[in-house]
Protein backbone atom coordinates (compact mmCIF):
# COMPACT_ATOMS: atom_id res chain seq x y z
CA MET A 1 31.17 -91.36 -63.59
CA LYS A 2 31.14 -87.87 -64.98
CA MET A 3 27.29 -88.08 -65.10
CA LYS A 4 26.96 -88.56 -61.76
CA PHE A 5 29.00 -85.82 -60.81
CA THR A 6 27.16 -83.46 -62.68
CA LYS A 7 24.09 -84.86 -61.28
CA LYS A 8 25.56 -84.13 -57.85
CA ILE A 9 26.34 -80.53 -58.62
CA ALA A 10 22.83 -79.95 -60.15
CA THR A 11 21.25 -81.30 -57.13
CA ILE A 12 23.24 -79.27 -54.53
CA LEU A 13 22.73 -75.85 -56.96
CA LEU A 14 18.89 -76.71 -56.78
CA SER A 15 19.03 -77.10 -53.17
CA VAL A 16 20.89 -73.92 -52.72
CA CYS A 17 18.21 -71.91 -54.71
CA LEU A 18 15.52 -73.64 -53.05
CA ILE A 19 16.81 -72.29 -49.70
CA VAL A 20 17.38 -68.93 -50.48
CA PRO A 21 13.95 -67.93 -50.68
CA CYS A 22 13.04 -69.79 -47.70
CA PHE A 23 15.47 -67.82 -46.15
CA SER A 24 14.54 -64.17 -47.37
CA MET A 25 11.13 -65.22 -46.30
CA MET A 26 12.18 -65.74 -42.69
CA VAL A 27 14.24 -62.65 -42.61
CA LEU A 28 10.85 -60.77 -43.75
CA ALA A 29 8.89 -62.63 -41.22
CA ALA A 30 11.31 -61.32 -38.60
CA ASP A 31 10.85 -57.86 -39.51
CA GLY A 32 8.04 -55.71 -39.51
CA VAL A 33 5.45 -54.34 -41.50
CA ILE A 34 3.48 -51.23 -42.02
CA PHE A 35 0.11 -50.67 -43.91
CA PHE A 36 -2.75 -48.42 -44.09
CA SER A 37 -6.70 -49.11 -45.06
CA ASP A 38 -7.87 -48.14 -48.25
CA LEU A 39 -11.38 -46.59 -48.72
CA GLU A 40 -13.55 -44.72 -50.89
CA THR A 41 -15.44 -41.60 -49.68
CA SER A 42 -17.27 -38.43 -51.25
CA VAL A 43 -16.53 -34.66 -51.28
CA GLY A 44 -17.48 -33.20 -48.09
CA ASP A 45 -17.75 -36.23 -46.18
CA GLU A 46 -15.40 -36.88 -43.18
CA PHE A 47 -13.21 -40.30 -43.06
CA THR A 48 -10.92 -42.29 -41.11
CA ILE A 49 -7.57 -43.91 -42.47
CA THR A 50 -5.91 -46.44 -39.96
CA GLY A 51 -2.47 -47.15 -39.78
CA THR A 52 -0.86 -50.20 -38.34
CA ALA A 53 2.64 -51.24 -37.58
CA VAL A 54 3.45 -54.94 -37.13
CA VAL A 55 6.70 -56.73 -35.54
CA SER A 56 6.71 -60.16 -36.62
CA GLY A 57 7.63 -62.51 -33.68
CA ASP A 58 8.12 -60.24 -30.90
CA ALA A 59 6.50 -57.49 -29.10
CA ILE A 60 6.35 -54.19 -30.66
CA GLY A 61 8.37 -50.97 -28.81
CA ASP A 62 8.51 -47.82 -30.16
CA ALA A 63 7.17 -46.38 -33.13
CA THR A 64 7.62 -43.10 -35.04
CA ILE A 65 6.23 -42.87 -38.81
CA HIS A 66 6.29 -40.07 -41.06
CA MET A 67 3.56 -39.60 -43.95
CA THR A 68 2.73 -37.31 -46.52
CA TYR A 69 -0.77 -36.62 -48.64
CA ASP A 70 -2.17 -34.26 -50.86
CA PRO A 71 -3.88 -31.31 -49.24
CA SER A 72 -5.75 -30.13 -52.44
CA TYR A 73 -7.85 -33.54 -52.21
CA MET A 74 -8.41 -33.98 -48.43
CA ARG A 75 -7.94 -32.09 -45.26
CA PHE A 76 -6.24 -33.43 -42.27
CA GLU A 77 -8.40 -32.76 -38.98
CA GLU A 78 -7.38 -34.83 -35.97
CA GLY A 79 -5.22 -38.08 -35.14
CA ASP A 80 -4.62 -40.31 -32.45
CA GLY A 81 -0.96 -39.53 -31.75
CA VAL A 82 -0.42 -37.74 -35.41
CA ASN A 83 1.08 -34.45 -35.26
CA ALA A 84 0.53 -32.00 -38.03
CA ASP A 85 4.49 -30.93 -39.02
CA THR A 86 3.24 -28.95 -42.08
CA ASN A 87 0.30 -29.00 -44.62
CA GLY A 88 0.49 -31.93 -46.09
CA ASN A 89 2.93 -33.74 -43.61
CA LEU A 90 2.26 -36.06 -40.99
CA THR A 91 4.25 -37.61 -38.23
CA PHE A 92 2.82 -40.33 -36.03
CA THR A 93 4.46 -41.26 -32.83
CA GLY A 94 3.22 -43.96 -30.10
CA SER A 95 4.31 -46.78 -28.01
CA GLY A 96 3.29 -50.53 -27.50
CA ASP A 97 1.90 -51.64 -24.46
CA GLY A 98 4.67 -54.34 -23.87
CA SER A 99 2.55 -57.39 -24.91
CA SER A 100 1.02 -56.85 -28.35
CA ASP A 101 3.15 -56.94 -31.55
CA ARG A 102 1.31 -54.14 -33.21
CA ILE A 103 0.16 -50.58 -32.86
CA GLU A 104 -2.91 -48.93 -34.63
CA PHE A 105 -3.77 -45.30 -34.62
CA THR A 106 -6.49 -43.57 -36.72
CA MET A 107 -6.39 -40.05 -38.72
CA LYS A 108 -9.32 -38.32 -39.59
CA PHE A 109 -9.90 -36.19 -42.87
CA GLN A 110 -12.38 -34.48 -44.74
CA ALA A 111 -12.38 -34.75 -48.50
CA LEU A 112 -12.07 -31.68 -50.74
CA GLN A 113 -12.69 -32.62 -54.32
CA GLU A 114 -13.28 -35.63 -56.66
CA GLY A 115 -10.62 -37.60 -57.79
CA SER A 116 -8.08 -40.13 -56.33
CA THR A 117 -5.27 -39.67 -54.14
CA ARG A 118 -2.73 -41.27 -52.06
CA LEU A 119 -1.40 -41.50 -48.54
CA GLU A 120 2.16 -42.67 -48.30
CA GLN A 121 4.33 -43.71 -45.73
CA GLY A 122 7.86 -41.92 -45.34
CA ASN A 123 10.63 -42.74 -43.06
CA ALA A 124 9.87 -45.03 -40.24
CA THR A 125 11.58 -45.99 -36.97
CA VAL A 126 10.32 -49.12 -35.26
CA THR A 127 11.76 -50.90 -32.44
CA ASP A 128 11.07 -54.37 -30.73
CA SER A 129 10.50 -54.88 -26.87
CA ILE A 130 14.07 -54.98 -26.14
CA GLY A 131 14.88 -51.63 -28.61
CA GLU A 132 16.11 -53.15 -31.33
CA SER A 133 15.31 -51.25 -34.54
CA VAL A 134 13.43 -53.55 -36.53
CA ALA A 135 13.14 -52.86 -40.41
CA CYS A 136 9.58 -52.37 -42.18
CA GLU A 137 7.84 -52.31 -45.77
CA GLU A 138 6.68 -48.97 -46.81
CA GLY A 139 2.67 -48.90 -46.84
CA TYR A 140 0.20 -46.60 -48.35
CA ALA A 141 -3.23 -45.91 -48.41
CA ASP A 142 -5.44 -45.39 -51.58
CA VAL A 143 -8.51 -43.16 -51.26
CA VAL A 144 -10.97 -42.87 -53.97
CA ILE A 145 -13.32 -39.14 -53.72
CA GLY A 146 -16.44 -39.29 -55.43
CA ALA A 147 -19.15 -36.49 -56.01
CA GLY A 148 -21.08 -35.41 -53.12
CA ASP A 149 -21.90 -32.24 -51.04
CA PRO A 150 -19.36 -29.38 -51.32
CA SER A 151 -21.13 -26.87 -48.94
CA LYS A 152 -20.31 -29.86 -46.00
CA ILE A 153 -16.53 -28.60 -46.39
CA LYS A 154 -15.55 -26.25 -43.48
CA ASP A 155 -14.63 -22.69 -44.38
CA VAL A 156 -11.08 -23.24 -42.81
CA ALA A 157 -8.09 -21.53 -44.37
CA ASN A 158 -4.84 -22.86 -44.31
CA GLY A 159 -1.40 -21.78 -44.89
CA ALA A 160 -1.31 -17.93 -43.80
CA SER A 161 1.84 -16.28 -43.79
CA VAL A 162 2.80 -15.03 -40.47
CA THR A 163 5.94 -12.73 -39.25
CA ILE A 164 7.38 -12.79 -35.77
CA ASP A 165 10.60 -11.11 -34.76
CA GLY A 166 11.76 -11.25 -38.26
CA GLN A 167 11.03 -14.85 -38.40
CA GLU A 168 8.37 -16.37 -40.91
CA TYR A 169 5.75 -18.95 -39.93
CA THR A 170 2.51 -20.57 -41.32
CA LEU A 171 -0.43 -20.44 -39.60
CA SER A 172 -1.86 -24.07 -40.14
CA GLY A 173 -4.78 -26.35 -38.98
CA ASP A 174 -3.01 -29.53 -39.45
CA PHE A 175 -2.96 -30.96 -35.89
CA SER A 176 -4.43 -33.41 -33.91
CA ASP A 177 -6.95 -33.05 -30.68
CA SER A 178 -4.24 -34.87 -28.78
CA MET A 179 -1.70 -32.25 -29.47
CA ILE A 180 -3.71 -29.29 -28.05
CA PRO A 181 -2.46 -28.28 -24.48
CA ALA A 182 -4.23 -29.58 -21.58
CA GLY A 183 -7.41 -27.10 -20.73
CA PHE A 184 -7.84 -26.32 -24.36
CA THR A 185 -10.30 -27.78 -26.92
CA ALA A 186 -10.20 -27.56 -30.86
CA GLY A 187 -11.73 -24.69 -32.12
CA GLU A 188 -11.73 -21.53 -34.88
CA ILE A 189 -9.74 -18.22 -34.65
CA THR A 190 -9.81 -15.37 -36.93
CA TYR A 191 -6.77 -13.91 -38.41
CA ASN A 192 -7.01 -11.21 -41.60
CA ASP A 193 -10.66 -11.61 -41.88
CA SER A 194 -10.32 -15.40 -42.09
CA THR A 195 -11.25 -18.68 -40.13
CA TYR A 196 -8.55 -20.98 -39.11
CA LYS A 197 -8.43 -23.86 -37.07
CA GLY A 198 -6.88 -23.28 -33.56
CA ALA A 199 -7.64 -23.78 -29.92
CA VAL A 200 -9.45 -22.08 -27.33
CA GLN A 201 -9.97 -21.94 -23.30
CA GLU A 202 -13.77 -21.96 -23.05
CA LYS A 203 -13.46 -20.27 -19.39
CA THR A 204 -11.05 -18.02 -20.01
CA GLY A 205 -11.47 -17.06 -23.70
CA LEU A 206 -8.06 -17.56 -24.40
CA GLN A 207 -7.09 -18.65 -27.86
CA MET A 208 -3.97 -20.59 -29.19
CA ALA A 209 -2.86 -20.77 -32.95
CA TYR A 210 -0.82 -23.69 -34.67
CA LEU A 211 2.44 -21.83 -36.31
CA VAL A 212 5.03 -23.93 -38.40
CA ASP A 213 8.25 -22.46 -39.05
CA GLY A 214 10.74 -22.82 -41.93
CA ASP A 215 12.15 -26.14 -40.89
CA GLY A 216 8.58 -27.67 -40.98
CA LYS A 217 8.31 -27.84 -37.03
CA GLY A 218 4.76 -26.78 -35.58
CA ASP A 219 4.10 -25.08 -32.23
CA PHE A 220 1.33 -23.50 -30.42
CA TRP A 221 1.53 -19.80 -29.89
CA MET A 222 -0.96 -17.88 -27.79
CA TYR A 223 -2.96 -15.46 -29.77
CA ASP A 224 -4.36 -12.25 -29.34
CA SER A 225 -7.51 -11.61 -31.80
CA SER A 226 -7.85 -7.84 -30.55
CA ASP A 227 -4.60 -6.98 -32.11
CA SER A 228 -3.64 -10.23 -34.12
CA SER A 229 -0.50 -10.91 -32.28
CA PHE A 230 0.94 -14.08 -31.13
CA SER A 231 3.31 -14.76 -28.54
CA PRO A 232 5.19 -17.94 -27.34
CA ALA A 233 3.47 -20.48 -24.81
CA GLU A 234 4.80 -23.43 -23.18
CA GLN A 235 2.89 -26.61 -21.70
CA VAL A 236 4.66 -27.56 -18.36
CA VAL A 237 3.44 -30.47 -16.66
CA ILE A 238 3.21 -30.42 -13.15
CA SER A 239 1.67 -33.88 -12.39
CA ASP A 240 -0.29 -36.59 -13.80
CA ASP A 241 -3.54 -34.59 -13.96
CA TYR A 242 -2.29 -30.90 -13.32
CA SER A 243 -0.36 -29.10 -16.05
CA ILE A 244 -0.02 -25.30 -16.85
CA VAL A 245 0.73 -23.19 -19.91
CA ILE A 246 3.11 -20.50 -19.60
CA PHE A 247 2.59 -17.28 -21.96
CA ASP A 248 3.03 -13.83 -21.63
CA ALA A 249 1.10 -11.62 -19.23
CA GLY A 250 1.21 -8.39 -21.32
CA SER A 251 -1.10 -5.87 -19.97
CA LYS A 252 -2.93 -8.73 -17.52
CA VAL A 253 -0.74 -7.50 -14.58
CA SER A 254 1.14 -4.60 -13.57
CA MET A 255 3.70 -5.50 -10.71
CA PRO A 256 4.60 -3.60 -7.76
CA SER A 257 7.84 -1.31 -8.62
CA LYS A 258 9.98 -3.40 -6.41
CA TYR A 259 9.64 -6.51 -9.21
CA SER A 260 11.89 -5.53 -11.95
CA LYS A 261 10.68 -6.82 -15.37
CA GLY A 262 12.88 -8.76 -17.89
CA ASN A 263 13.20 -11.84 -20.02
CA LEU A 264 13.72 -15.47 -19.48
CA GLU A 265 14.14 -18.42 -21.68
CA ILE A 266 12.32 -21.59 -20.97
CA ASN A 267 12.78 -24.58 -22.73
CA GLY A 268 13.96 -22.79 -25.73
CA LYS A 269 11.04 -20.00 -25.51
CA THR A 270 11.79 -16.23 -24.34
CA PHE A 271 8.81 -15.20 -22.09
CA GLU A 272 8.44 -12.13 -19.88
CA ILE A 273 8.86 -12.47 -16.38
CA TRP A 274 9.74 -10.29 -13.07
CA ASP A 275 12.67 -10.98 -10.92
CA GLU A 276 11.92 -11.81 -7.38
CA PRO A 277 13.82 -9.27 -5.44
CA ASP A 278 13.94 -11.22 -2.12
CA ARG A 279 15.14 -14.55 -3.70
CA ASP A 280 17.97 -14.97 -6.22
CA GLY A 281 17.20 -17.52 -9.20
CA PHE A 282 13.35 -16.73 -8.53
CA TYR A 283 11.32 -15.22 -10.82
CA VAL A 284 7.65 -14.72 -11.28
CA LEU A 285 5.64 -15.72 -14.54
CA TYR A 286 2.32 -15.98 -15.62
CA ALA A 287 0.17 -19.23 -16.45
CA VAL A 288 -3.10 -20.59 -16.99
CA ASN A 289 -3.64 -24.00 -15.72
CA ASN A 290 -5.73 -27.22 -16.87
CA ASP A 291 -8.89 -25.65 -15.01
CA GLY A 292 -8.77 -22.32 -16.84
CA GLU A 293 -7.33 -20.54 -13.64
CA GLU A 294 -4.77 -17.39 -14.84
CA SER A 295 -2.10 -16.88 -11.87
CA LEU A 296 1.35 -15.83 -10.99
CA TYR A 297 3.87 -18.95 -10.35
CA LEU A 298 6.86 -18.71 -8.58
CA TYR A 299 9.83 -20.21 -10.72
CA ASP A 300 13.00 -21.92 -9.30
CA SER A 301 15.53 -21.76 -12.29
CA ALA A 302 17.76 -24.07 -10.35
CA GLU A 303 15.13 -27.06 -9.90
CA HIS A 304 12.99 -25.94 -12.69
CA THR A 305 9.66 -26.23 -10.35
CA TYR A 306 6.98 -23.98 -10.45
CA GLN A 307 4.60 -22.91 -7.49
CA ARG A 308 1.87 -20.75 -7.76
CA MET A 309 1.50 -18.02 -5.70
CA GLU A 310 -0.94 -14.92 -4.75
CA THR A 311 -1.07 -11.77 -6.98
CA PRO A 312 0.59 -8.93 -4.70
CA LYS A 313 -1.97 -6.74 -3.02
CA SER A 314 -0.66 -3.73 -4.48
CA ALA A 315 -0.80 -5.05 -7.95
CA THR A 316 -3.38 -3.96 -10.73
CA THR A 317 -5.53 -6.00 -13.37
CA PRO A 318 -6.83 -4.88 -16.19
CA ASP A 319 -10.41 -5.40 -14.67
CA LYS A 320 -9.75 -2.35 -12.40
CA LYS A 321 -9.25 1.00 -14.15
CA SER A 322 -6.84 2.30 -11.34
CA ALA A 323 -5.67 1.33 -8.26
CA SER A 324 -7.47 2.56 -5.06
CA LYS A 325 -5.47 4.94 -2.65
CA PHE A 326 -5.59 2.27 -0.04
CA ASP A 327 -3.54 0.05 -2.39
CA ALA A 328 -1.28 3.00 -3.29
CA ILE A 329 -0.50 3.64 0.05
CA LEU A 330 -0.03 -0.04 0.61
CA GLU A 331 2.64 -0.23 -2.18
CA LYS A 332 4.62 2.72 -1.00
CA ILE A 333 4.69 1.32 2.58
CA SER A 334 5.82 -1.98 0.77
CA ASP A 335 8.56 -0.06 -0.91
CA HIS A 336 9.80 1.76 1.97
CA LEU A 337 8.86 -0.16 4.91
CA ILE A 338 12.21 0.40 6.72
CA TRP A 339 11.77 4.18 6.79
CA PHE A 340 7.99 4.17 7.63
CA VAL A 341 8.87 1.66 10.62
CA ALA A 342 11.83 4.41 11.72
CA ALA A 343 9.34 7.07 11.44
CA ALA A 344 6.59 4.96 13.57
CA ALA A 345 9.28 4.47 16.21
CA VAL A 346 10.36 8.17 16.54
CA ILE A 347 6.73 9.26 16.90
CA VAL A 348 6.07 6.34 19.54
CA ILE A 349 9.02 7.76 21.36
CA LEU A 350 8.15 11.36 21.23
CA LEU A 351 4.55 10.24 22.53
CA VAL A 352 6.19 8.45 25.24
CA ILE A 353 8.40 11.34 26.35
CA PHE A 354 5.10 13.80 26.08
CA LEU A 355 3.20 11.46 28.31
CA LEU A 356 6.14 11.49 30.84
CA VAL A 357 6.53 15.07 30.79
CA SER A 358 2.67 15.53 31.57
CA VAL A 359 2.91 13.24 34.09
CA VAL A 360 5.45 14.62 35.81
CA LYS A 361 3.88 18.25 35.79
CA LEU A 362 0.70 16.67 36.87
CA HIS A 363 2.52 15.37 39.93
CA ASN A 364 4.20 18.75 40.58
CA ARG A 365 0.76 20.44 40.56
CA ASN A 366 -0.90 17.86 42.80
CA ARG A 367 2.17 18.05 45.23
CA GLU A 368 1.66 22.05 45.24
CA LEU A 369 -2.06 22.04 45.82
CA ASP A 370 -1.69 19.40 48.70
CA ASP A 371 1.05 21.86 50.25
CA LEU A 372 -1.50 24.67 49.67
CA TYR A 373 -4.47 22.67 51.64
CA ASP A 374 -1.99 21.69 54.45
CA GLU A 375 -1.02 25.66 54.66
CA TYR A 376 -4.57 26.76 54.74
CA GLY A 377 -6.09 23.84 56.77
CA LEU A 378 -8.31 22.76 53.76
CA ASP A 379 -9.16 19.28 53.38
CA ASP A 380 -10.98 17.18 51.22
CA GLU A 381 -13.41 15.91 53.69
CA PRO A 382 -16.45 18.54 54.29
CA GLN A 383 -15.97 20.55 57.34
CA SER A 384 -18.57 21.39 60.02
CA ASN A 385 -17.37 24.73 60.07
CA PRO A 386 -16.58 26.05 57.03
CA VAL A 387 -13.31 27.91 56.64
CA LYS A 388 -13.92 31.55 55.82
CA PRO A 389 -12.62 32.64 52.31
CA ILE A 390 -9.20 34.62 52.75
CA PRO A 391 -9.79 38.35 52.28
CA SER A 392 -8.59 40.17 49.64
CA VAL A 393 -5.56 42.71 49.97
CA LYS A 394 -8.12 45.63 49.41
CA GLU A 395 -10.55 44.38 52.15
CA GLU A 396 -7.65 43.75 54.51
CA LYS A 397 -6.55 47.53 54.24
CA ARG A 398 -10.16 48.79 54.47
CA SER A 399 -10.61 46.59 58.11
CA LYS A 400 -7.15 47.58 59.15
CA PHE A 401 -8.04 51.35 58.44
CA LYS A 402 -11.84 50.97 59.90
CA LYS A 403 -10.15 49.71 63.29
CA ARG A 404 -7.68 52.19 63.23
CA GLN A 405 -10.41 54.90 62.84
CA ASP A 406 -12.36 53.64 65.82
CA ASP A 407 -9.51 53.61 68.09
CA ASP A 408 -8.38 56.98 67.23
CA PHE A 409 -11.91 58.70 67.48
CA GLU A 410 -12.19 56.89 71.19
CA ASP A 411 -8.74 57.74 71.96
CA ASP A 412 -9.35 61.53 70.57
CA TYR A 413 -12.95 61.81 72.27
CA ASP A 414 -13.56 59.47 75.04
CA ASP A 415 -11.12 61.31 77.54
CA ASP A 416 -12.48 64.77 76.93
CA PHE A 417 -16.09 63.43 76.77
CA ASP A 418 -15.92 61.85 80.12
CA ASP A 419 -13.89 64.85 81.80
CA ASP A 420 -16.25 67.25 80.50
CA PHE A 421 -19.42 65.12 81.36
CA ASP A 422 -18.62 62.47 84.03
CA ASP A 423 -18.22 65.56 86.67
CA ASP A 424 -21.89 66.19 87.97
CA ASP A 425 -21.34 69.59 89.12
CA TYR A 426 -20.23 70.70 85.93
CA TYR A 427 -23.03 68.99 84.20
CA ASP A 428 -25.65 70.32 86.48
CA ASP A 429 -24.35 73.81 87.36
CA ASP A 430 -23.01 74.79 84.03
CA PHE A 431 -25.94 73.26 82.34
CA ASP A 432 -28.44 74.69 84.81
CA ASP A 433 -26.63 78.23 84.94
CA ASP A 434 -26.48 78.35 81.34
CA TYR A 435 -30.12 77.02 80.68
CA ASP A 436 -32.29 78.05 83.90
CA ASP A 437 -36.05 78.68 83.96
CA GLU A 438 -35.59 82.06 83.13
CA GLY A 439 -33.89 81.62 79.99
CA LEU A 440 -30.46 81.67 78.17
CA SER A 441 -27.74 83.63 80.11
CA ASP A 442 -25.78 85.98 77.74
CA ASP A 443 -22.51 83.98 79.12
CA THR A 444 -23.94 80.85 78.67
CA ARG A 445 -22.55 78.76 75.52
CA SER A 446 -25.11 78.55 72.61
CA VAL A 447 -25.82 76.43 69.95
CA ASP A 448 -23.52 78.27 67.76
CA GLU A 449 -20.71 78.04 70.05
CA PHE A 450 -21.36 74.41 70.33
CA ASP A 451 -20.94 73.94 66.60
CA ASP A 452 -17.67 76.11 66.85
CA TYR A 453 -16.29 73.84 69.37
CA PHE A 454 -16.84 70.65 67.05
CA ASP A 455 -15.71 72.70 63.92
CA ASP A 456 -15.20 70.48 60.79
CA ASP A 457 -11.48 70.90 61.55
CA ASP A 458 -11.59 68.76 64.15
CA PHE A 459 -12.45 65.78 61.61
CA ASP A 460 -9.88 67.11 59.40
CA SER A 461 -7.65 64.13 60.35
CA PHE A 462 -9.85 61.64 58.55
CA ASP A 463 -8.31 63.08 55.22
CA ASP A 464 -5.21 61.25 55.93
CA TYR A 465 -6.81 58.19 55.47
CA ASN A 466 -7.72 59.13 51.83
CA ILE A 467 -11.47 58.13 52.52
CA LYS A 468 -13.45 58.62 49.36
CA LYS A 469 -16.95 59.72 49.52
CA GLU A 470 -19.00 57.23 47.86
CA LYS A 471 -22.03 58.01 45.74
CA ARG A 472 -25.29 56.60 47.06
CA LYS A 473 -27.95 55.24 44.63
CA LYS A 474 -31.43 55.02 45.08
CA GLY A 475 -32.42 51.78 46.47
CA ASP A 476 -28.69 51.10 48.24
CA THR A 477 -28.54 50.32 51.86
CA PHE A 478 -26.27 51.35 54.50
CA GLU A 479 -25.44 51.76 58.16
CA MET A 480 -25.65 54.79 60.61
CA ASP A 481 -24.49 54.92 64.24
CA PHE A 482 -25.87 57.21 66.81
CA ILE A 483 -24.58 58.37 69.90
CA ASP A 484 -26.81 58.10 72.90
CA LEU A 485 -26.16 60.74 75.06
CA ASP A 486 -28.23 59.79 77.83
């Protein structure tokens, strides 16, 4: 009896022992696993390590895998979804397609020296299709590097120290092409006479460097090789096929005076911007799009949207040594628009007043001319009998004097002359007596007596009219009146 009981206990224990391993295997099968491909290569050659994350019995969700390697044996160049945090540290981030149970990714390296090395998995976070965390075994890849051609090794430096605003960074080339901002491609940059892996924009010539801070966080910075300076850069995705990279314009653009310059923090980075004077909460910043076109953008800080804007006409760029006079005038007008409008309005008003005064004066002048034409009977139509010109005052006085002279002469001498010569007896007798056939009588009038009778004193009355003797010149013409005594 006791023997049977002992057998039963042993049977139960054996069953439990058999069940436990099976249970453990089922648990492991329900979890995940991460593994890498092993390989052999030669010095100077480039090689690729493939990593795989698998979830058993379900579709994989997301995966984040940290890895380490020895940078003295191999140098990381690029990877699909792989970020080079620091020299010798990599991080993969990816997601499944919703139906597959695994995610695969590749990493490209270059062998630097002979020997054996290992790429090891660090911390990893893997989820299934519903977001539940999946525990995974850690994997690794053994790499054996044989003799090769060291001349193939790229002369690219790593680990240069960079100080920006008092903070230390490391210039690194451990980044994948997928990390490079849109519009840029992998290329080489020169810093302190050494060549480093970076990113370049072929169309504009812009360069970017990958800097890693003291916490091992890496990011791209805009790099200016002319003065070996670094400035923040931030990629902003506008749409599925369009993005921009924000960076400081520096001396590229000088805005009109109405735009005040300042600083603004965007996604944890500080950029130089200009305040939009006419709209609160809007700022103007500088960026390059994925087509390599540099431009100003209007940033709405409330809705975090970006809109490309035209460069102000009065803004200057380094392509022009100095702004034209026309641009300077436009800037002055835009800065003092109200005063220019007021001055223009005053000038227009003064011109209108001047025109009105001129019109009134012209109207009065025309009316005076019309009155003058009416007074003298002048007409615009041609006259059949032309109107004689109005004599001057001098001519009028001279005419009156002549008429008076003629009248006085006739009055003074007509009657006497008629009395003396109308009587036939007087004429006949006296003349016959004085001038008979026998000769001149003693009591007759002589020529001298005639002259005495008509003495010059008889004409002294002409002096009352202030007659001035006129000097005659050779060639002058004049008239002479004769008295017919017959």
